[in-house]
Amino acid sequence: MTILILGILLWVMPHMFKRLAPHRHLMMMPQVKGMVAGFVLVGVVLMVIGYRLAPVVPVYDPLPGMGHANNAIMLVSIYLFGVGGARSVLIDKLRHPMLTGMVLWSLAHLLVNGDLASIVLFGALGLWAVAEMVLINRASPWKRPKPGKWTGDLKNLIGSALIYGLITWVHTLLGHNPFMGNY
């Protein structure tokens, strides 16, 4: 569990630094920003390794059929991650589409995983995303971007379907077929 927690910290701390000390973050030299990005990448790797190595300590039993809810929520989550980049029609309606997608990702996984490592990983990252939204909202008012276009939504839907397929393939390779039961 130590590796998992270290990975979470290496993800959360650099992201929170940007919000808690924005002036210092802006003054960072490009080499330092690159090093921080490296810490975040190492954090992701440690989260995966730590999660896979963590003992299975059951905390609650997921409800039957939640695998279907997880899969549907994950499609929405992935779509929200692409709203900004694709200039979707939601871009001027939703201030934090990527962070909202992260919260949905977290909740979807908590629906189908009731062990301690899952609660630590998905719960921590979901709480981080909520904290980021709160800090961003407190820092400045939202300057709405220009409205997006339906063509952006079409691109985002295609990209989301491809990424969803890739994610389900990787999960299956790791021994967790998302289309079989609760997971």
N, C-alpha and C. Protein backbone atom coordinates (compact mmCIF):
# COMPACT_ATOMS: atom_id res chain seq x y z
N MET A 1 0.83 -1.20 0.00
CA MET A 1 0.00 0.00 0.00
C MET A 1 0.87 1.26 0.00
N THR A 2 2.10 1.14 0.49
CA THR A 2 3.01 2.29 0.55
C THR A 2 3.31 2.82 -0.84
N ILE A 3 3.55 1.91 -1.79
CA ILE A 3 3.86 2.33 -3.16
C ILE A 3 2.65 3.06 -3.76
N LEU A 4 1.47 2.54 -3.51
CA LEU A 4 0.24 3.18 -4.00
C LEU A 4 0.09 4.59 -3.44
N ILE A 5 0.29 4.74 -2.15
CA ILE A 5 0.14 6.06 -1.52
C ILE A 5 1.22 7.02 -2.01
N LEU A 6 2.45 6.54 -2.18
CA LEU A 6 3.51 7.39 -2.73
C LEU A 6 3.14 7.86 -4.13
N GLY A 7 2.59 6.97 -4.95
CA GLY A 7 2.16 7.34 -6.29
C GLY A 7 1.08 8.41 -6.26
N ILE A 8 0.11 8.24 -5.37
CA ILE A 8 -0.96 9.23 -5.24
C ILE A 8 -0.38 10.59 -4.84
N LEU A 9 0.55 10.58 -3.89
CA LEU A 9 1.17 11.84 -3.46
C LEU A 9 1.94 12.51 -4.59
N LEU A 10 2.64 11.70 -5.40
CA LEU A 10 3.39 12.27 -6.52
C LEU A 10 2.47 12.81 -7.61
N TRP A 11 1.22 12.40 -7.62
CA TRP A 11 0.23 12.97 -8.53
C TRP A 11 -0.39 14.22 -7.92
N VAL A 12 -0.84 14.09 -6.69
CA VAL A 12 -1.62 15.16 -6.05
C VAL A 12 -0.76 16.40 -5.74
N MET A 13 0.41 16.19 -5.16
CA MET A 13 1.21 17.32 -4.69
C MET A 13 1.59 18.29 -5.82
N PRO A 14 2.13 17.84 -6.95
CA PRO A 14 2.44 18.80 -8.01
C PRO A 14 1.20 19.51 -8.56
N HIS A 15 0.09 18.78 -8.66
CA HIS A 15 -1.13 19.41 -9.15
C HIS A 15 -1.65 20.45 -8.16
N MET A 16 -1.59 20.15 -6.88
CA MET A 16 -2.07 21.10 -5.87
C MET A 16 -1.13 22.31 -5.75
N PHE A 17 0.18 22.09 -5.97
CA PHE A 17 1.15 23.19 -5.90
C PHE A 17 0.75 24.29 -6.89
N LYS A 18 0.31 23.89 -8.05
CA LYS A 18 -0.10 24.85 -9.08
C LYS A 18 -1.24 25.72 -8.58
N ARG A 19 -2.12 25.15 -7.75
CA ARG A 19 -3.28 25.90 -7.24
C ARG A 19 -2.95 26.66 -5.96
N LEU A 20 -2.13 26.05 -5.09
CA LEU A 20 -1.86 26.66 -3.78
C LEU A 20 -0.77 27.72 -3.84
N ALA A 21 0.12 27.62 -4.83
CA ALA A 21 1.20 28.61 -4.97
C ALA A 21 1.33 29.01 -6.44
N PRO A 22 0.30 29.64 -7.00
CA PRO A 22 0.32 29.93 -8.43
C PRO A 22 1.46 30.84 -8.87
N HIS A 23 1.85 31.81 -8.03
CA HIS A 23 2.94 32.71 -8.42
C HIS A 23 4.26 31.97 -8.49
N ARG A 24 4.51 31.10 -7.53
CA ARG A 24 5.74 30.30 -7.57
C ARG A 24 5.73 29.35 -8.76
N HIS A 25 4.55 28.81 -9.06
CA HIS A 25 4.43 27.90 -10.19
C HIS A 25 4.78 28.62 -11.49
N LEU A 26 4.29 29.85 -11.65
CA LEU A 26 4.57 30.61 -12.87
C LEU A 26 6.05 30.97 -12.99
N MET A 27 6.73 31.11 -11.86
CA MET A 27 8.14 31.49 -11.88
C MET A 27 9.08 30.30 -12.09
N MET A 28 8.54 29.11 -12.11
CA MET A 28 9.39 27.93 -12.28
C MET A 28 10.00 27.91 -13.68
N MET A 29 11.26 27.56 -13.74
CA MET A 29 11.95 27.46 -15.02
C MET A 29 11.43 26.23 -15.77
N PRO A 30 11.51 26.25 -17.10
CA PRO A 30 11.01 25.11 -17.89
C PRO A 30 11.63 23.77 -17.48
N GLN A 31 12.90 23.77 -17.08
CA GLN A 31 13.53 22.52 -16.67
C GLN A 31 12.87 21.96 -15.41
N VAL A 32 12.51 22.86 -14.50
CA VAL A 32 11.86 22.44 -13.26
C VAL A 32 10.46 21.92 -13.57
N LYS A 33 9.75 22.61 -14.47
CA LYS A 33 8.42 22.14 -14.86
C LYS A 33 8.51 20.75 -15.48
N GLY A 34 9.54 20.51 -16.27
CA GLY A 34 9.75 19.19 -16.86
C GLY A 34 10.00 18.14 -15.79
N MET A 35 10.77 18.51 -14.78
CA MET A 35 11.06 17.58 -13.69
C MET A 35 9.77 17.26 -12.91
N VAL A 36 8.94 18.28 -12.69
CA VAL A 36 7.68 18.08 -11.99
C VAL A 36 6.77 17.15 -12.81
N ALA A 37 6.75 17.35 -14.13
CA ALA A 37 5.96 16.47 -14.99
C ALA A 37 6.49 15.04 -14.88
N GLY A 38 7.79 14.89 -14.75
CA GLY A 38 8.38 13.56 -14.55
C GLY A 38 7.92 12.93 -13.25
N PHE A 39 7.82 13.73 -12.18
CA PHE A 39 7.31 13.23 -10.90
C PHE A 39 5.87 12.72 -11.06
N VAL A 40 5.07 13.48 -11.80
CA VAL A 40 3.68 13.08 -12.01
C VAL A 40 3.62 11.76 -12.77
N LEU A 41 4.45 11.63 -13.80
CA LEU A 41 4.49 10.38 -14.57
C LEU A 41 4.93 9.21 -13.69
N VAL A 42 5.96 9.43 -12.88
CA VAL A 42 6.41 8.38 -11.95
C VAL A 42 5.27 8.05 -10.98
N GLY A 43 4.52 9.07 -10.55
CA GLY A 43 3.37 8.85 -9.67
C GLY A 43 2.34 7.94 -10.30
N VAL A 44 2.06 8.14 -11.58
CA VAL A 44 1.08 7.29 -12.27
C VAL A 44 1.59 5.84 -12.30
N VAL A 45 2.86 5.66 -12.64
CA VAL A 45 3.44 4.31 -12.69
C VAL A 45 3.37 3.66 -11.30
N LEU A 46 3.71 4.43 -10.26
CA LEU A 46 3.66 3.88 -8.90
C LEU A 46 2.24 3.55 -8.46
N MET A 47 1.26 4.36 -8.91
CA MET A 47 -0.13 4.06 -8.58
C MET A 47 -0.54 2.72 -9.19
N VAL A 48 -0.16 2.50 -10.44
CA VAL A 48 -0.52 1.24 -11.11
C VAL A 48 0.16 0.07 -10.41
N ILE A 49 1.46 0.20 -10.19
CA ILE A 49 2.21 -0.89 -9.54
C ILE A 49 1.70 -1.11 -8.12
N GLY A 50 1.54 -0.03 -7.37
CA GLY A 50 1.08 -0.14 -5.98
C GLY A 50 -0.30 -0.74 -5.87
N TYR A 51 -1.18 -0.38 -6.80
CA TYR A 51 -2.54 -0.93 -6.80
C TYR A 51 -2.51 -2.42 -7.08
N ARG A 52 -1.70 -2.82 -8.05
CA ARG A 52 -1.63 -4.24 -8.40
C ARG A 52 -0.96 -5.07 -7.31
N LEU A 53 -0.06 -4.46 -6.54
CA LEU A 53 0.63 -5.18 -5.47
C LEU A 53 -0.12 -5.17 -4.14
N ALA A 54 -1.08 -4.26 -4.01
CA ALA A 54 -1.78 -4.12 -2.73
C ALA A 54 -2.60 -5.38 -2.42
N PRO A 55 -2.62 -5.76 -1.15
CA PRO A 55 -3.44 -6.92 -0.79
C PRO A 55 -4.92 -6.58 -0.94
N VAL A 56 -5.70 -7.59 -1.24
CA VAL A 56 -7.15 -7.39 -1.37
C VAL A 56 -7.75 -7.47 0.04
N VAL A 57 -8.18 -6.32 0.52
CA VAL A 57 -8.82 -6.22 1.84
C VAL A 57 -10.26 -5.76 1.59
N PRO A 58 -11.21 -6.70 1.60
CA PRO A 58 -12.60 -6.33 1.31
C PRO A 58 -13.15 -5.34 2.35
N VAL A 59 -13.85 -4.32 1.86
CA VAL A 59 -14.50 -3.35 2.73
C VAL A 59 -16.01 -3.40 2.52
N TYR A 60 -16.45 -3.49 1.26
CA TYR A 60 -17.87 -3.62 0.96
C TYR A 60 -18.03 -4.44 -0.32
N ASP A 61 -19.21 -5.02 -0.48
CA ASP A 61 -19.52 -5.79 -1.68
C ASP A 61 -20.26 -4.89 -2.67
N PRO A 62 -19.72 -4.73 -3.88
CA PRO A 62 -20.44 -3.94 -4.89
C PRO A 62 -21.78 -4.59 -5.21
N LEU A 63 -22.75 -3.79 -5.54
CA LEU A 63 -24.07 -4.30 -5.90
C LEU A 63 -24.01 -5.02 -7.24
N PRO A 64 -24.80 -6.05 -7.41
CA PRO A 64 -24.82 -6.75 -8.70
C PRO A 64 -25.23 -5.81 -9.83
N GLY A 65 -24.61 -5.99 -10.97
CA GLY A 65 -24.95 -5.20 -12.15
C GLY A 65 -24.28 -3.85 -12.24
N MET A 66 -23.48 -3.50 -11.26
CA MET A 66 -22.82 -2.20 -11.28
C MET A 66 -21.76 -2.10 -12.37
N GLY A 67 -21.34 -3.23 -12.90
CA GLY A 67 -20.39 -3.21 -14.02
C GLY A 67 -20.97 -2.47 -15.21
N HIS A 68 -22.28 -2.62 -15.44
CA HIS A 68 -22.93 -1.92 -16.55
C HIS A 68 -22.96 -0.41 -16.28
N ALA A 69 -23.27 -0.04 -15.04
CA ALA A 69 -23.26 1.38 -14.67
C ALA A 69 -21.85 1.95 -14.81
N ASN A 70 -20.86 1.19 -14.36
CA ASN A 70 -19.47 1.62 -14.48
C ASN A 70 -19.12 1.89 -15.94
N ASN A 71 -19.47 0.97 -16.83
CA ASN A 71 -19.13 1.13 -18.24
C ASN A 71 -19.79 2.36 -18.85
N ALA A 72 -21.05 2.61 -18.51
CA ALA A 72 -21.74 3.78 -19.04
C ALA A 72 -21.14 5.07 -18.49
N ILE A 73 -20.86 5.09 -17.19
CA ILE A 73 -20.28 6.29 -16.58
C ILE A 73 -18.89 6.55 -17.15
N MET A 74 -18.14 5.49 -17.41
CA MET A 74 -16.80 5.65 -17.98
C MET A 74 -16.85 6.28 -19.38
N LEU A 75 -17.84 5.92 -20.17
CA LEU A 75 -17.98 6.56 -21.49
C LEU A 75 -18.19 8.07 -21.34
N VAL A 76 -19.05 8.44 -20.40
CA VAL A 76 -19.29 9.87 -20.15
C VAL A 76 -18.02 10.54 -19.63
N SER A 77 -17.33 9.87 -18.73
CA SER A 77 -16.10 10.41 -18.16
C SER A 77 -15.06 10.68 -19.24
N ILE A 78 -14.85 9.72 -20.10
CA ILE A 78 -13.86 9.88 -21.18
C ILE A 78 -14.28 11.01 -22.11
N TYR A 79 -15.58 11.08 -22.40
CA TYR A 79 -16.08 12.16 -23.25
C TYR A 79 -15.77 13.52 -22.62
N LEU A 80 -15.99 13.65 -21.31
CA LEU A 80 -15.74 14.92 -20.63
C LEU A 80 -14.27 15.31 -20.68
N PHE A 81 -13.39 14.32 -20.65
CA PHE A 81 -11.96 14.62 -20.75
C PHE A 81 -11.62 15.32 -22.07
N GLY A 82 -12.38 15.05 -23.11
CA GLY A 82 -12.08 15.61 -24.42
C GLY A 82 -12.84 16.87 -24.78
N VAL A 83 -13.72 17.36 -23.91
CA VAL A 83 -14.55 18.52 -24.23
C VAL A 83 -13.72 19.74 -24.61
N GLY A 84 -12.68 20.04 -23.85
CA GLY A 84 -11.88 21.23 -24.12
C GLY A 84 -11.07 21.11 -25.40
N GLY A 85 -10.41 19.98 -25.56
CA GLY A 85 -9.56 19.80 -26.74
C GLY A 85 -10.34 19.74 -28.04
N ALA A 86 -11.55 19.21 -28.00
CA ALA A 86 -12.36 19.07 -29.21
C ALA A 86 -13.25 20.29 -29.45
N ARG A 87 -13.26 21.22 -28.51
CA ARG A 87 -14.12 22.41 -28.60
C ARG A 87 -15.59 22.01 -28.74
N SER A 88 -16.02 21.12 -27.86
CA SER A 88 -17.39 20.62 -27.83
C SER A 88 -18.37 21.73 -27.49
N VAL A 89 -19.65 21.48 -27.74
CA VAL A 89 -20.66 22.48 -27.38
C VAL A 89 -20.77 22.66 -25.88
N LEU A 90 -20.21 21.74 -25.10
CA LEU A 90 -20.23 21.87 -23.65
C LEU A 90 -19.14 22.80 -23.12
N ILE A 91 -18.24 23.23 -23.97
CA ILE A 91 -17.07 23.97 -23.50
C ILE A 91 -17.44 25.27 -22.77
N ASP A 92 -18.52 25.90 -23.17
CA ASP A 92 -18.91 27.14 -22.50
C ASP A 92 -20.03 26.92 -21.47
N LYS A 93 -20.36 25.66 -21.22
CA LYS A 93 -21.42 25.34 -20.27
C LYS A 93 -20.92 24.64 -19.01
N LEU A 94 -19.74 24.09 -19.08
CA LEU A 94 -19.19 23.31 -17.98
C LEU A 94 -17.78 23.81 -17.69
N ARG A 95 -17.58 24.40 -16.51
CA ARG A 95 -16.29 25.02 -16.21
C ARG A 95 -15.16 24.00 -16.08
N HIS A 96 -15.41 22.87 -15.52
CA HIS A 96 -14.35 21.89 -15.25
C HIS A 96 -14.67 20.53 -15.87
N PRO A 97 -14.74 20.43 -17.18
CA PRO A 97 -15.11 19.14 -17.77
C PRO A 97 -14.12 18.03 -17.46
N MET A 98 -12.84 18.31 -17.49
CA MET A 98 -11.85 17.26 -17.24
C MET A 98 -11.88 16.80 -15.78
N LEU A 99 -11.97 17.74 -14.86
CA LEU A 99 -12.04 17.37 -13.45
C LEU A 99 -13.37 16.67 -13.13
N THR A 100 -14.45 17.10 -13.78
CA THR A 100 -15.73 16.41 -13.61
C THR A 100 -15.62 14.98 -14.13
N GLY A 101 -14.94 14.82 -15.25
CA GLY A 101 -14.69 13.47 -15.78
C GLY A 101 -13.89 12.63 -14.80
N MET A 102 -12.95 13.26 -14.11
CA MET A 102 -12.13 12.54 -13.12
C MET A 102 -12.99 12.10 -11.93
N VAL A 103 -13.89 12.95 -11.49
CA VAL A 103 -14.79 12.58 -10.39
C VAL A 103 -15.68 11.42 -10.82
N LEU A 104 -16.21 11.48 -12.04
CA LEU A 104 -17.04 10.38 -12.53
C LEU A 104 -16.23 9.09 -12.67
N TRP A 105 -14.99 9.20 -13.14
CA TRP A 105 -14.10 8.04 -13.24
C TRP A 105 -13.93 7.39 -11.86
N SER A 106 -13.70 8.23 -10.87
CA SER A 106 -13.52 7.75 -9.51
C SER A 106 -14.77 7.04 -9.00
N LEU A 107 -15.92 7.70 -9.14
CA LEU A 107 -17.17 7.12 -8.66
C LEU A 107 -17.51 5.82 -9.39
N ALA A 108 -17.27 5.79 -10.70
CA ALA A 108 -17.56 4.58 -11.47
C ALA A 108 -16.76 3.40 -10.95
N HIS A 109 -15.49 3.64 -10.65
CA HIS A 109 -14.65 2.56 -10.16
C HIS A 109 -15.01 2.15 -8.73
N LEU A 110 -15.48 3.09 -7.94
CA LEU A 110 -15.91 2.73 -6.58
C LEU A 110 -17.22 1.93 -6.59
N LEU A 111 -17.99 2.04 -7.66
CA LEU A 111 -19.21 1.23 -7.78
C LEU A 111 -18.90 -0.25 -7.93
N VAL A 112 -17.73 -0.56 -8.53
CA VAL A 112 -17.43 -1.96 -8.84
C VAL A 112 -16.26 -2.54 -8.04
N ASN A 113 -15.62 -1.72 -7.25
CA ASN A 113 -14.47 -2.17 -6.45
C ASN A 113 -14.70 -1.81 -5.00
N GLY A 114 -14.80 -2.80 -4.15
CA GLY A 114 -15.06 -2.54 -2.73
C GLY A 114 -13.91 -2.87 -1.82
N ASP A 115 -12.70 -2.96 -2.36
CA ASP A 115 -11.54 -3.28 -1.53
C ASP A 115 -10.83 -2.00 -1.08
N LEU A 116 -9.98 -2.14 -0.08
CA LEU A 116 -9.31 -0.99 0.53
C LEU A 116 -8.43 -0.24 -0.46
N ALA A 117 -7.64 -0.95 -1.26
CA ALA A 117 -6.76 -0.28 -2.22
C ALA A 117 -7.57 0.55 -3.21
N SER A 118 -8.71 0.04 -3.65
CA SER A 118 -9.57 0.78 -4.58
C SER A 118 -10.12 2.04 -3.93
N ILE A 119 -10.54 1.91 -2.67
CA ILE A 119 -11.07 3.07 -1.96
C ILE A 119 -9.98 4.13 -1.81
N VAL A 120 -8.77 3.69 -1.48
CA VAL A 120 -7.65 4.63 -1.33
C VAL A 120 -7.35 5.31 -2.67
N LEU A 121 -7.19 4.52 -3.73
CA LEU A 121 -6.81 5.08 -5.03
C LEU A 121 -7.91 5.94 -5.63
N PHE A 122 -9.08 5.35 -5.86
CA PHE A 122 -10.14 6.07 -6.55
C PHE A 122 -10.74 7.17 -5.67
N GLY A 123 -10.82 6.90 -4.37
CA GLY A 123 -11.33 7.92 -3.46
C GLY A 123 -10.41 9.12 -3.39
N ALA A 124 -9.10 8.87 -3.29
CA ALA A 124 -8.14 9.97 -3.20
C ALA A 124 -8.15 10.82 -4.47
N LEU A 125 -8.17 10.17 -5.62
CA LEU A 125 -8.15 10.95 -6.86
C LEU A 125 -9.47 11.68 -7.10
N GLY A 126 -10.57 11.10 -6.68
CA GLY A 126 -11.85 11.80 -6.76
C GLY A 126 -11.88 13.02 -5.84
N LEU A 127 -11.39 12.85 -4.62
CA LEU A 127 -11.32 13.98 -3.69
C LEU A 127 -10.36 15.06 -4.20
N TRP A 128 -9.25 14.63 -4.79
CA TRP A 128 -8.31 15.60 -5.37
C TRP A 128 -9.01 16.44 -6.43
N ALA A 129 -9.78 15.80 -7.32
CA ALA A 129 -10.46 16.52 -8.40
C ALA A 129 -11.46 17.54 -7.84
N VAL A 130 -12.19 17.15 -6.81
CA VAL A 130 -13.15 18.08 -6.18
C VAL A 130 -12.39 19.26 -5.55
N ALA A 131 -11.29 18.97 -4.86
CA ALA A 131 -10.49 20.03 -4.24
C ALA A 131 -9.94 20.99 -5.30
N GLU A 132 -9.49 20.45 -6.43
CA GLU A 132 -9.00 21.30 -7.52
C GLU A 132 -10.10 22.25 -8.00
N MET A 133 -11.32 21.72 -8.18
CA MET A 133 -12.42 22.57 -8.63
C MET A 133 -12.69 23.69 -7.64
N VAL A 134 -12.69 23.35 -6.36
CA VAL A 134 -12.95 24.36 -5.33
C VAL A 134 -11.86 25.44 -5.36
N LEU A 135 -10.59 25.02 -5.44
CA LEU A 135 -9.49 25.99 -5.46
C LEU A 135 -9.52 26.86 -6.70
N ILE A 136 -9.82 26.28 -7.84
CA ILE A 136 -9.90 27.07 -9.09
C ILE A 136 -11.04 28.07 -8.99
N ASN A 137 -12.19 27.63 -8.48
CA ASN A 137 -13.34 28.53 -8.37
C ASN A 137 -13.07 29.68 -7.42
N ARG A 138 -12.32 29.42 -6.36
CA ARG A 138 -11.99 30.49 -5.40
C ARG A 138 -10.96 31.46 -5.96
N ALA A 139 -10.10 30.99 -6.84
CA ALA A 139 -9.00 31.81 -7.34
C ALA A 139 -9.46 32.92 -8.27
N SER A 140 -10.43 32.63 -9.12
CA SER A 140 -10.86 33.65 -10.09
C SER A 140 -12.21 33.29 -10.67
N PRO A 141 -12.93 34.32 -11.12
CA PRO A 141 -14.22 34.03 -11.77
C PRO A 141 -13.97 33.35 -13.13
N TRP A 142 -14.95 32.64 -13.59
CA TRP A 142 -14.83 31.90 -14.84
C TRP A 142 -15.01 32.84 -16.02
N LYS A 143 -14.05 32.82 -16.92
CA LYS A 143 -14.18 33.54 -18.20
C LYS A 143 -14.64 32.51 -19.21
N ARG A 144 -15.91 32.58 -19.55
CA ARG A 144 -16.48 31.58 -20.46
C ARG A 144 -15.78 31.63 -21.81
N PRO A 145 -15.39 30.46 -22.30
CA PRO A 145 -14.80 30.42 -23.64
C PRO A 145 -15.89 30.61 -24.70
N LYS A 146 -15.45 30.83 -25.92
CA LYS A 146 -16.41 30.93 -27.02
C LYS A 146 -17.15 29.61 -27.16
N PRO A 147 -18.41 29.66 -27.58
CA PRO A 147 -19.17 28.42 -27.74
C PRO A 147 -18.48 27.44 -28.70
N GLY A 148 -18.62 26.18 -28.39
CA GLY A 148 -18.06 25.14 -29.25
C GLY A 148 -19.01 24.79 -30.38
N LYS A 149 -18.58 23.83 -31.20
CA LYS A 149 -19.37 23.43 -32.35
C LYS A 149 -19.69 21.94 -32.28
N TRP A 150 -20.75 21.56 -32.98
CA TRP A 150 -21.15 20.15 -33.03
C TRP A 150 -20.08 19.29 -33.68
N THR A 151 -19.30 19.87 -34.58
CA THR A 151 -18.22 19.08 -35.19
C THR A 151 -17.19 18.68 -34.12
N GLY A 152 -17.01 19.52 -33.12
CA GLY A 152 -16.14 19.18 -32.00
C GLY A 152 -16.69 17.99 -31.23
N ASP A 153 -18.01 17.95 -31.08
CA ASP A 153 -18.64 16.81 -30.40
C ASP A 153 -18.46 15.53 -31.19
N LEU A 154 -18.58 15.63 -32.50
CA LEU A 154 -18.41 14.45 -33.34
C LEU A 154 -16.98 13.92 -33.20
N LYS A 155 -16.00 14.81 -33.28
CA LYS A 155 -14.59 14.41 -33.08
C LYS A 155 -14.40 13.78 -31.70
N ASN A 156 -15.00 14.41 -30.70
CA ASN A 156 -14.86 13.92 -29.32
C ASN A 156 -15.52 12.55 -29.16
N LEU A 157 -16.67 12.34 -29.77
CA LEU A 157 -17.33 11.03 -29.69
C LEU A 157 -16.48 9.94 -30.32
N ILE A 158 -15.91 10.22 -31.47
CA ILE A 158 -15.06 9.23 -32.14
C ILE A 158 -13.82 8.96 -31.30
N GLY A 159 -13.18 10.02 -30.82
CA GLY A 159 -11.99 9.86 -29.97
C GLY A 159 -12.31 9.13 -28.68
N SER A 160 -13.46 9.46 -28.08
CA SER A 160 -13.86 8.80 -26.83
C SER A 160 -14.09 7.31 -27.05
N ALA A 161 -14.72 6.95 -28.16
CA ALA A 161 -14.96 5.53 -28.46
C ALA A 161 -13.64 4.79 -28.65
N LEU A 162 -12.70 5.42 -29.34
CA LEU A 162 -11.39 4.78 -29.55
C LEU A 162 -10.63 4.62 -28.23
N ILE A 163 -10.64 5.66 -27.42
CA ILE A 163 -9.94 5.59 -26.12
C ILE A 163 -10.62 4.58 -25.20
N TYR A 164 -11.96 4.56 -25.21
CA TYR A 164 -12.69 3.58 -24.41
C TYR A 164 -12.30 2.16 -24.82
N GLY A 165 -12.22 1.93 -26.11
CA GLY A 165 -11.80 0.62 -26.60
C GLY A 165 -10.40 0.27 -26.15
N LEU A 166 -9.49 1.23 -26.20
CA LEU A 166 -8.12 1.01 -25.76
C LEU A 166 -8.07 0.70 -24.27
N ILE A 167 -8.82 1.45 -23.48
CA ILE A 167 -8.84 1.24 -22.03
C ILE A 167 -9.41 -0.14 -21.69
N THR A 168 -10.49 -0.52 -22.34
CA THR A 168 -11.06 -1.84 -22.05
C THR A 168 -10.12 -2.95 -22.48
N TRP A 169 -9.40 -2.75 -23.57
CA TRP A 169 -8.42 -3.74 -24.03
C TRP A 169 -7.31 -3.91 -23.00
N VAL A 170 -6.77 -2.77 -22.50
CA VAL A 170 -5.70 -2.84 -21.50
C VAL A 170 -6.21 -3.49 -20.22
N HIS A 171 -7.42 -3.14 -19.78
CA HIS A 171 -7.99 -3.77 -18.59
C HIS A 171 -8.11 -5.29 -18.78
N THR A 172 -8.52 -5.70 -19.97
CA THR A 172 -8.65 -7.13 -20.26
C THR A 172 -7.28 -7.80 -20.23
N LEU A 173 -6.27 -7.14 -20.80
CA LEU A 173 -4.90 -7.68 -20.75
C LEU A 173 -4.42 -7.86 -19.32
N LEU A 174 -4.85 -6.95 -18.43
CA LEU A 174 -4.44 -7.01 -17.03
C LEU A 174 -5.30 -7.98 -16.22
N GLY A 175 -6.25 -8.63 -16.89
CA GLY A 175 -7.06 -9.64 -16.21
C GLY A 175 -8.37 -9.13 -15.65
N HIS A 176 -8.81 -7.94 -16.06
CA HIS A 176 -10.06 -7.38 -15.56
C HIS A 176 -10.94 -7.00 -16.75
N ASN A 177 -11.71 -7.94 -17.25
CA ASN A 177 -12.59 -7.66 -18.38
C ASN A 177 -13.77 -6.81 -17.89
N PRO A 178 -13.86 -5.56 -18.35
CA PRO A 178 -14.93 -4.67 -17.89
C PRO A 178 -16.33 -5.12 -18.26
N PHE A 179 -16.44 -6.07 -19.18
CA PHE A 179 -17.76 -6.50 -19.63
C PHE A 179 -18.21 -7.80 -18.96
N MET A 180 -17.44 -8.24 -17.98
CA MET A 180 -17.78 -9.48 -17.26
C MET A 180 -18.12 -9.18 -15.82
N GLY A 181 -19.39 -9.11 -15.50
CA GLY A 181 -19.82 -8.94 -14.11
C GLY A 181 -19.63 -7.55 -13.58
N ASN A 182 -19.30 -7.47 -12.29
CA ASN A 182 -19.18 -6.17 -11.63
C ASN A 182 -17.99 -5.36 -12.11
N TYR A 183 -17.01 -6.00 -12.63
CA TYR A 183 -15.89 -5.23 -13.14
C TYR A 183 -15.75 -5.44 -14.59
